[in-house]
Amino acid sequence: MAKKKSGLISVRIPLEEEIGWFDQLLDDKHYLGAGRPVGDYLRQVVEVDAKPVALLVWGPACYALKDRDKWISWSTVQRLERLKLIVQNRRFLVLAEKGQSPNLASQAMGAALRALPGQWLESFGYLPLLAESFTDPEAYAGTCYKASNWEAVGMSAGHSRHRADFYRPNDRPKKLWLRPLCPQGRELLSAAQLPQGCLGGVIAAPSGTLPLKAAELGSLLDVFRQSPDPRASNTTFRTYSVMTLIAMALLAGRRDIAEIARFATTLSQAQRRRMGFPRKRDTKAFWRVPSYSVFYQVLRRMDPEAFAKLLSQWLQSRAGSLPGALAMDGKMIRDHIGLLTLAQHEDGAPVAVAVYDQKEGTERCELSAACDLLEQIPALDGMMITADALHCQRTHAAAIVEKGGDYLLQVKANQKKLFKKARALDKLKDTPFLSIHNPGTGA
């Protein structure tokens, strides 16, 4: 007897009147039940020839997963801001009896994944970039995940969410699966800029918590007390307090004056008092913070090189030892000051900083700032420095190698000879494209 050909597979969001039916099926047939909707929450019905064959539920991702976050290589600030761009497969139920329809599970999952970005955009106004899911290795092999191109990247820590304790041990670590929802989904989560369609899912990193402990804050204030105040002596906010706040905002990932000013308003009254800001008249417990104009004036008048030098010295005195991988990246704070940072891959914490006025073409551009920044680091033994295509320069590569480090630099097509050479290397089966080359060759 000839095998029946598979019918037309489609994926839809259940109608409002079908939600009761959907959740009841999960309660009856899924070992975890239907669960409770939380956050952005999407139900999918997979159909073959208009008949339901599978149900899926997608919701918010886990707050922090060590193996996932290492796989993405994003900073703590990026994780806090972009976590909604990861969606979690919370339920997957195949309605056919086991063995009745071979490959149905992987076909249904594949179809659901293809439909997910567009349905999520229509429902919540932004495009997700990555899907995550878990399987219990004691009960499931995860065959349909493998077949639909998910990647197993590690294990969970074996903790369950609990209202009172936040997390509690359950002694049942789960296998973690990840799958990009677009070709560059993994890379985009840690990129400097996101696609326009993803911006609706970006949230401001939580504020009210300083990126420094009390002792560190005190020592940073002491460092900036050395800075001269270029303004009049009767100013309300002292420069050392304002510069300390600017430094902390930069450490927390804020990159323009408006973001720095908003960061200031989220500080608690105790934090404001500790930083030496003035108390508001006729109040006993209300301390003011600088406005946008104050930050503008300080940034415009201060010596940026002196600021960068003091902050770098402080960072290095606190670092202890350099991490195994550092990323070099530059950002402009409006048109006033560019900040180039050498930061830890794991959590985005800066190790050294330098300032510049333009990306290219001036004596104090980002390229020359990179040379100054690398000069500040006494040694890079065993370190891997990563940077974008702007820093794919022989001088930068040589400086890194001379200090004992390795480098991984992006190459773009505007460097025609180098790009052609890299493409040629990529075609050689026995030569890995991601390799470290002698800076004297220009590769």
Protein backbone atom coordinates (compact mmCIF):
# COMPACT_ATOMS: atom_id res chain seq x y z
CA MET A 1 0.00 0.00 0.00
CA ALA A 2 1.45 3.34 -1.01
CA LYS A 3 2.39 5.73 1.77
CA LYS A 4 0.03 8.70 2.07
CA LYS A 5 1.69 11.97 1.16
CA SER A 6 1.84 14.59 3.87
CA GLY A 7 -0.76 17.31 3.48
CA LEU A 8 -0.52 21.07 3.58
CA ILE A 9 0.94 22.27 6.88
CA SER A 10 0.02 25.68 8.28
CA VAL A 11 0.42 27.59 11.53
CA ARG A 12 -2.08 30.00 13.04
CA ILE A 13 -2.81 31.81 16.29
CA PRO A 14 -5.97 30.44 17.96
CA LEU A 15 -9.05 32.63 18.00
CA GLU A 16 -10.17 34.14 21.30
CA GLU A 17 -12.99 31.59 21.60
CA GLU A 18 -10.51 28.72 21.04
CA ILE A 19 -8.20 29.56 23.96
CA GLY A 20 -10.26 27.51 26.40
CA TRP A 21 -10.08 24.50 24.08
CA PHE A 22 -6.32 25.07 23.56
CA ASP A 23 -5.49 25.28 27.28
CA GLN A 24 -7.73 22.34 28.15
CA LEU A 25 -5.89 20.11 25.67
CA LEU A 26 -2.58 21.10 27.28
CA ASP A 27 -3.99 20.43 30.75
CA ASP A 28 -5.22 17.01 29.68
CA LYS A 29 -2.33 15.82 27.51
CA HIS A 30 0.86 17.71 28.41
CA TYR A 31 2.75 16.51 31.48
CA LEU A 32 3.29 20.14 32.63
CA GLY A 33 -0.28 21.24 32.03
CA ALA A 34 -1.23 24.51 30.36
CA GLY A 35 0.73 26.84 32.64
CA ARG A 36 -0.09 30.47 33.31
CA PRO A 37 0.26 33.26 30.71
CA VAL A 38 2.99 35.73 31.67
CA GLY A 39 4.50 38.65 29.75
CA ASP A 40 4.39 38.48 25.95
CA TYR A 41 2.71 35.10 25.45
CA LEU A 42 1.83 33.47 22.13
CA ARG A 43 -0.15 30.30 21.36
CA GLN A 44 0.23 28.51 18.01
CA VAL A 45 -1.89 25.82 16.39
CA VAL A 46 -0.14 23.73 13.73
CA GLU A 47 -2.54 22.18 11.23
CA VAL A 48 -2.25 19.67 8.41
CA ASP A 49 -5.03 20.01 5.86
CA ALA A 50 -6.81 22.37 8.32
CA LYS A 51 -6.80 19.73 11.12
CA PRO A 52 -4.85 20.51 14.36
CA VAL A 53 -1.81 18.28 14.80
CA ALA A 54 0.30 20.20 17.36
CA LEU A 55 0.07 23.02 19.89
CA LEU A 56 2.92 25.32 20.93
CA VAL A 57 3.23 28.05 23.53
CA TRP A 58 5.92 30.76 23.50
CA GLY A 59 6.71 33.19 26.31
CA PRO A 60 9.47 35.22 28.00
CA ALA A 61 13.01 33.85 28.18
CA CYS A 62 14.84 32.96 31.38
CA TYR A 63 16.36 35.96 33.14
CA ALA A 64 19.89 34.54 33.11
CA LEU A 65 21.37 31.32 31.77
CA LYS A 66 25.13 30.93 32.00
CA ASP A 67 25.51 28.69 28.94
CA ARG A 68 23.09 30.74 26.83
CA ASP A 69 24.69 34.05 27.72
CA LYS A 70 28.16 32.67 27.01
CA TRP A 71 26.93 31.31 23.64
CA ILE A 72 25.56 34.75 22.70
CA SER A 73 28.61 36.62 24.11
CA TRP A 74 26.57 39.66 25.10
CA SER A 75 27.24 42.02 27.98
CA THR A 76 25.14 42.24 31.13
CA VAL A 77 23.71 45.57 29.93
CA GLN A 78 22.80 44.06 26.55
CA ARG A 79 21.14 41.11 28.25
CA LEU A 80 19.03 43.37 30.45
CA GLU A 81 18.00 45.53 27.51
CA ARG A 82 17.47 42.80 24.89
CA LEU A 83 16.14 39.84 26.86
CA LYS A 84 12.68 40.21 25.27
CA LEU A 85 14.27 39.43 21.90
CA ILE A 86 14.61 35.83 23.10
CA VAL A 87 11.40 33.80 23.28
CA GLN A 88 11.03 30.51 25.13
CA ASN A 89 9.16 27.48 23.84
CA ARG A 90 7.15 26.73 27.00
CA ARG A 91 4.90 23.97 25.69
CA PHE A 92 4.99 21.65 22.67
CA LEU A 93 2.27 19.05 22.32
CA VAL A 94 1.87 16.72 19.33
CA LEU A 95 -1.74 15.60 19.13
CA ALA A 96 -1.14 12.42 17.13
CA GLU A 97 -0.46 9.19 18.97
CA LYS A 98 3.19 8.20 19.31
CA GLY A 99 4.41 6.41 16.18
CA GLN A 100 1.30 7.28 14.19
CA SER A 101 2.89 10.07 12.11
CA PRO A 102 6.71 9.78 11.82
CA ASN A 103 8.52 13.14 11.54
CA LEU A 104 5.37 15.06 12.44
CA ALA A 105 6.99 16.57 15.54
CA SER A 106 9.99 18.01 13.68
CA GLN A 107 7.81 19.17 10.76
CA ALA A 108 5.41 20.91 13.13
CA MET A 109 8.25 22.54 15.06
CA GLY A 110 9.92 23.70 11.85
CA ALA A 111 6.70 25.23 10.55
CA ALA A 112 6.02 26.92 13.90
CA LEU A 113 9.51 28.44 13.96
CA ARG A 114 9.12 29.81 10.44
CA ALA A 115 5.83 31.46 11.35
CA LEU A 116 6.93 32.68 14.79
CA PRO A 117 8.78 35.94 13.93
CA GLY A 118 5.96 37.33 11.80
CA GLN A 119 3.26 36.32 14.26
CA TRP A 120 5.22 37.76 17.17
CA LEU A 121 5.74 41.03 15.31
CA GLU A 122 2.04 41.25 14.53
CA SER A 123 1.05 40.45 18.13
CA PHE A 124 3.63 42.47 20.10
CA GLY A 125 5.21 44.96 17.69
CA TYR A 126 8.78 43.66 17.51
CA LEU A 127 10.80 40.84 15.96
CA PRO A 128 12.43 38.22 18.22
CA LEU A 129 15.91 37.00 17.29
CA LEU A 130 16.39 33.76 19.21
CA ALA A 131 14.32 30.89 20.60
CA GLU A 132 15.21 28.85 23.67
CA SER A 133 13.77 25.65 25.06
CA PHE A 134 14.55 22.87 27.54
CA THR A 135 14.21 19.11 27.57
CA ASP A 136 14.49 16.71 30.48
CA PRO A 137 17.39 14.40 29.50
CA GLU A 138 15.99 11.70 31.78
CA ALA A 139 12.78 11.54 29.76
CA TYR A 140 13.42 12.96 26.27
CA ALA A 141 16.29 12.80 23.79
CA GLY A 142 15.30 16.03 22.03
CA THR A 143 15.16 14.34 18.62
CA CYS A 144 12.66 16.79 17.10
CA TYR A 145 14.79 19.73 18.27
CA LYS A 146 17.85 18.28 16.53
CA ALA A 147 15.82 17.64 13.39
CA SER A 148 14.53 21.24 13.31
CA ASN A 149 18.04 22.73 13.69
CA TRP A 150 18.11 23.62 17.37
CA GLU A 151 21.52 23.56 18.99
CA ALA A 152 22.14 21.97 22.40
CA VAL A 153 24.43 24.40 24.22
CA GLY A 154 24.52 23.19 27.81
CA MET A 155 22.44 22.48 30.87
CA SER A 156 20.35 24.58 33.21
CA ALA A 157 21.52 24.97 36.81
CA GLY A 158 18.70 22.82 38.14
CA HIS A 159 16.65 25.60 39.75
CA SER A 160 12.95 26.43 39.49
CA ARG A 161 11.38 29.86 39.82
CA HIS A 162 9.72 30.40 43.18
CA ARG A 163 7.71 33.44 44.25
CA ALA A 164 9.23 33.73 47.70
CA ASP A 165 12.84 32.75 47.05
CA PHE A 166 13.08 33.74 43.38
CA TYR A 167 14.81 30.43 42.55
CA ARG A 168 15.03 27.14 44.44
CA PRO A 169 16.91 23.89 43.63
CA ASN A 170 14.95 21.11 41.96
CA ASP A 171 17.81 18.65 41.33
CA ARG A 172 16.63 18.18 37.74
CA PRO A 173 18.95 20.08 35.35
CA LYS A 174 17.47 20.42 31.86
CA LYS A 175 19.20 20.39 28.50
CA LEU A 176 19.21 23.87 26.96
CA TRP A 177 18.42 24.27 23.26
CA LEU A 178 18.82 27.48 21.23
CA ARG A 179 17.84 28.38 17.69
CA PRO A 180 18.29 31.71 15.88
CA LEU A 181 15.10 32.98 14.28
CA CYS A 182 16.97 34.72 11.46
CA PRO A 183 20.35 34.02 9.83
CA GLN A 184 22.25 36.53 12.01
CA GLY A 185 20.09 36.26 15.13
CA ARG A 186 22.91 35.21 17.43
CA GLU A 187 25.28 37.93 16.26
CA LEU A 188 22.63 40.66 16.33
CA LEU A 189 21.89 40.11 20.03
CA SER A 190 25.42 41.31 20.87
CA ALA A 191 25.80 43.80 18.00
CA ALA A 192 26.23 47.53 18.54
CA GLN A 193 22.98 48.26 16.69
CA LEU A 194 19.78 46.26 16.29
CA PRO A 195 17.52 46.05 13.23
CA GLN A 196 14.66 48.55 13.25
CA GLY A 197 12.10 45.79 13.65
CA CYS A 198 13.63 44.66 16.96
CA LEU A 199 13.71 48.04 18.70
CA GLY A 200 10.19 47.68 20.09
CA GLY A 201 11.42 44.81 22.25
CA VAL A 202 14.34 46.72 23.78
CA ILE A 203 13.82 47.89 27.34
CA ALA A 204 15.97 50.28 29.34
CA ALA A 205 18.34 48.47 31.66
CA PRO A 206 17.06 48.51 35.25
CA SER A 207 18.20 51.59 37.12
CA GLY A 208 18.38 52.52 40.77
CA THR A 209 21.26 50.12 41.31
CA LEU A 210 24.69 51.64 40.91
CA PRO A 211 27.28 49.65 38.95
CA LEU A 212 29.62 50.11 41.95
CA LYS A 213 29.55 49.07 45.58
CA ALA A 214 29.79 51.71 48.32
CA ALA A 215 33.55 51.29 48.82
CA GLU A 216 34.25 51.48 45.08
CA LEU A 217 32.04 54.54 44.75
CA GLY A 218 33.98 56.29 47.52
CA SER A 219 37.31 55.56 45.86
CA LEU A 220 36.05 56.80 42.47
CA LEU A 221 34.81 60.02 44.06
CA ASP A 222 38.29 60.46 45.59
CA VAL A 223 39.86 60.01 42.14
CA PHE A 224 37.73 62.72 40.51
CA ARG A 225 38.24 65.13 43.41
CA GLN A 226 41.67 65.64 41.83
CA SER A 227 40.03 67.19 38.76
CA PRO A 228 39.96 70.99 38.55
CA ASP A 229 36.53 72.62 38.21
CA PRO A 230 36.50 74.78 35.04
CA ARG A 231 33.26 76.50 36.06
CA ALA A 232 32.51 79.29 38.52
CA SER A 233 33.08 78.66 42.20
CA ASN A 234 29.41 79.18 43.08
CA THR A 235 28.07 76.27 41.02
CA THR A 236 25.46 74.04 42.63
CA PHE A 237 26.92 70.69 41.54
CA ARG A 238 30.62 70.07 42.07
CA THR A 239 32.51 68.72 39.08
CA TYR A 240 33.94 65.68 40.86
CA SER A 241 30.39 64.48 41.71
CA VAL A 242 29.15 65.08 38.18
CA MET A 243 32.15 63.34 36.61
CA THR A 244 31.75 60.37 38.96
CA LEU A 245 28.12 60.09 37.90
CA ILE A 246 29.11 60.32 34.22
CA ALA A 247 31.67 57.55 34.76
CA MET A 248 29.11 55.32 36.45
CA ALA A 249 26.55 55.94 33.72
CA LEU A 250 29.14 54.93 31.12
CA LEU A 251 29.95 51.79 33.12
CA ALA A 252 26.23 51.01 33.13
CA GLY A 253 26.06 51.27 29.32
CA ARG A 254 24.61 54.78 28.89
CA ARG A 255 26.03 56.41 25.77
CA ASP A 256 24.57 59.91 25.33
CA ILE A 257 23.76 62.93 27.49
CA ALA A 258 20.03 62.22 27.64
CA GLU A 259 20.65 58.66 28.84
CA ILE A 260 23.15 59.91 31.44
CA ALA A 261 20.61 62.47 32.69
CA ARG A 262 17.89 59.81 32.93
CA PHE A 263 20.29 57.52 34.78
CA ALA A 264 20.86 60.29 37.34
CA THR A 265 17.14 60.67 38.07
CA THR A 266 16.85 56.97 39.02
CA LEU A 267 19.34 57.19 41.89
CA SER A 268 17.90 56.74 45.36
CA GLN A 269 18.09 59.57 47.90
CA ALA A 270 20.77 57.68 49.85
CA GLN A 271 22.84 57.29 46.68
CA ARG A 272 22.49 60.99 45.84
CA ARG A 273 23.56 61.98 49.35
CA ARG A 274 26.54 59.61 49.24
CA MET A 275 27.72 61.23 46.00
CA GLY A 276 27.72 64.70 47.53
CA PHE A 277 24.80 66.23 45.64
CA PRO A 278 23.03 69.20 47.32
CA ARG A 279 19.89 68.79 49.37
CA LYS A 280 16.81 70.62 48.15
CA ARG A 281 15.88 73.65 50.24
CA ASP A 282 13.15 73.26 52.84
CA THR A 283 13.38 69.46 52.73
CA LYS A 284 15.02 67.04 55.13
CA ALA A 285 15.56 64.04 52.86
CA PHE A 286 15.52 65.09 49.20
CA TRP A 287 18.79 65.44 47.31
CA ARG A 288 18.93 66.93 43.82
CA VAL A 289 20.72 65.49 40.80
CA PRO A 290 22.23 67.35 37.83
CA SER A 291 20.03 68.18 34.86
CA TYR A 292 20.78 67.66 31.17
CA SER A 293 22.31 71.15 30.91
CA VAL A 294 24.73 70.46 33.78
CA PHE A 295 26.03 67.31 32.10
CA TYR A 296 26.25 69.20 28.80
CA GLN A 297 28.35 71.98 30.34
CA VAL A 298 30.69 69.62 32.20
CA LEU A 299 31.25 67.42 29.14
CA ARG A 300 31.84 70.46 26.94
CA ARG A 301 34.35 72.10 29.28
CA MET A 302 36.21 69.23 30.89
CA ASP A 303 39.53 67.84 29.66
CA PRO A 304 38.46 64.54 28.05
CA GLU A 305 42.00 63.08 28.04
CA ALA A 306 42.38 63.74 31.75
CA PHE A 307 38.96 62.20 32.41
CA ALA A 308 39.85 59.07 30.42
CA LYS A 309 43.24 58.79 32.10
CA LEU A 310 41.82 59.02 35.61
CA LEU A 311 39.04 56.52 34.85
CA SER A 312 41.43 54.07 33.16
CA GLN A 313 43.87 54.23 36.06
CA TRP A 314 41.04 53.59 38.50
CA LEU A 315 39.67 50.68 36.43
CA GLN A 316 43.07 49.04 36.20
CA SER A 317 43.76 49.48 39.91
CA ARG A 318 40.49 47.65 40.60
CA ALA A 319 40.72 45.03 37.89
CA GLY A 320 43.28 42.79 39.62
CA SER A 321 44.04 40.80 36.48
CA LEU A 322 42.75 41.19 32.95
CA PRO A 323 40.09 38.75 31.70
CA GLY A 324 40.69 36.20 28.96
CA ALA A 325 38.78 38.08 26.26
CA LEU A 326 38.37 41.81 25.73
CA ALA A 327 36.27 43.74 23.21
CA MET A 328 37.29 47.14 21.84
CA ASP A 329 34.41 49.40 20.84
CA GLY A 330 33.83 53.13 20.38
CA LYS A 331 30.70 55.26 20.90
CA MET A 332 30.09 59.00 20.50
CA ILE A 333 28.33 60.93 23.27
CA ARG A 334 26.47 63.26 20.93
CA ASP A 335 29.07 65.39 19.11
CA HIS A 336 31.10 66.28 22.17
CA ILE A 337 33.16 63.25 23.14
CA GLY A 338 33.80 59.77 21.78
CA LEU A 339 34.55 57.04 24.27
CA LEU A 340 36.57 54.00 23.23
CA THR A 341 36.44 51.14 25.72
CA LEU A 342 38.32 47.90 26.14
CA ALA A 343 35.74 45.79 27.95
CA GLN A 344 35.29 42.29 29.28
CA HIS A 345 33.34 39.98 26.98
CA GLU A 346 31.55 38.28 29.86
CA ASP A 347 29.83 41.24 31.48
CA GLY A 348 30.83 44.33 29.48
CA ALA A 349 32.81 45.86 32.37
CA PRO A 350 35.40 48.35 31.00
CA VAL A 351 39.08 47.70 31.67
CA ALA A 352 40.48 50.82 30.00
CA VAL A 353 39.06 53.84 28.17
CA ALA A 354 40.29 56.49 25.75
CA VAL A 355 38.56 59.50 24.18
CA TYR A 356 38.33 60.81 20.61
CA ASP A 357 36.48 63.51 18.67
CA GLN A 358 35.68 61.77 15.36
CA LYS A 359 35.70 58.25 13.93
CA GLU A 360 38.42 59.04 11.37
CA GLY A 361 40.35 61.88 9.81
CA THR A 362 41.49 63.94 12.81
CA GLU A 363 44.51 63.90 15.09
CA ARG A 364 42.33 62.66 17.93
CA CYS A 365 40.17 60.19 16.01
CA GLU A 366 39.08 56.73 17.14
CA LEU A 367 42.04 55.07 15.42
CA SER A 368 44.60 57.14 17.31
CA ALA A 369 42.59 56.68 20.52
CA ALA A 370 42.89 52.91 20.04
CA CYS A 371 46.68 53.21 19.92
CA ASP A 372 46.60 55.25 23.14
CA LEU A 373 44.28 52.72 24.79
CA LEU A 374 46.48 49.74 23.89
CA GLU A 375 49.50 51.68 25.14
CA GLN A 376 47.86 51.99 28.58
CA ILE A 377 47.74 48.21 29.06
CA PRO A 378 51.06 46.93 30.43
CA ALA A 379 50.61 43.37 29.14
CA LEU A 380 48.11 41.30 27.18
CA ASP A 381 49.60 37.85 27.76
CA GLY A 382 47.07 35.19 26.81
CA MET A 383 44.37 37.75 25.97
CA MET A 384 42.17 37.77 22.88
CA ILE A 385 41.27 41.29 21.65
CA THR A 386 38.24 41.60 19.38
CA ALA A 387 37.28 44.70 17.41
CA ASP A 388 35.24 45.81 14.41
CA ALA A 389 36.53 46.50 10.92
CA LEU A 390 37.64 50.06 11.72
CA HIS A 391 40.39 48.63 13.92
CA CYS A 392 41.58 46.07 11.40
CA GLN A 393 44.91 47.92 11.10
CA ARG A 394 48.50 46.69 11.05
CA THR A 395 49.46 49.10 13.83
CA HIS A 396 46.72 47.81 16.12
CA ALA A 397 47.49 44.16 15.38
CA ALA A 398 51.21 44.73 15.95
CA ALA A 399 50.60 46.52 19.27
CA ILE A 400 48.47 43.62 20.51
CA VAL A 401 50.98 40.97 19.46
CA GLU A 402 53.92 42.89 20.94
CA LYS A 403 52.17 42.86 24.33
CA GLY A 404 51.64 39.11 24.15
CA GLY A 405 47.99 39.07 23.00
CA ASP A 406 46.07 37.66 20.07
CA TYR A 407 43.45 39.43 18.00
CA LEU A 408 40.25 38.72 16.13
CA LEU A 409 39.46 41.66 13.83
CA GLN A 410 36.55 42.04 11.45
CA VAL A 411 37.29 42.46 7.75
CA LYS A 412 34.92 44.27 5.36
CA ALA A 413 34.83 44.52 1.59
CA ASN A 414 36.12 48.12 1.55
CA GLN A 415 39.57 46.70 2.42
CA LYS A 416 39.69 45.07 -0.99
CA LYS A 417 43.06 43.28 -0.92
CA LEU A 418 42.66 42.03 2.62
CA PHE A 419 39.07 40.96 2.02
CA LYS A 420 40.07 39.06 -1.12
CA LYS A 421 42.84 37.30 0.79
CA ALA A 422 40.46 36.38 3.62
CA ARG A 423 37.93 34.99 1.14
CA ALA A 424 40.66 32.93 -0.48
CA LEU A 425 41.63 31.50 2.90
CA ASP A 426 38.00 30.68 3.59
CA LYS A 427 37.88 28.44 0.52
CA LEU A 428 40.78 26.30 1.70
CA LYS A 429 39.35 23.29 3.50
CA ASP A 430 42.38 22.83 5.75
CA THR A 431 42.73 26.48 6.70
CA PRO A 432 40.38 27.88 9.36
CA PHE A 433 39.03 31.29 8.47
CA LEU A 434 39.02 32.40 12.10
CA SER A 435 42.74 32.36 12.68
CA ILE A 436 45.34 34.79 13.96
CA HIS A 437 47.78 36.00 11.33
CA ASN A 438 51.03 37.87 11.40
CA PRO A 439 50.29 41.63 11.29
CA GLY A 440 53.16 42.07 8.88
CA THR A 441 51.14 40.28 6.20
CA GLY A 442 48.19 42.64 6.59
CA ALA A 443 45.79 39.78 7.35
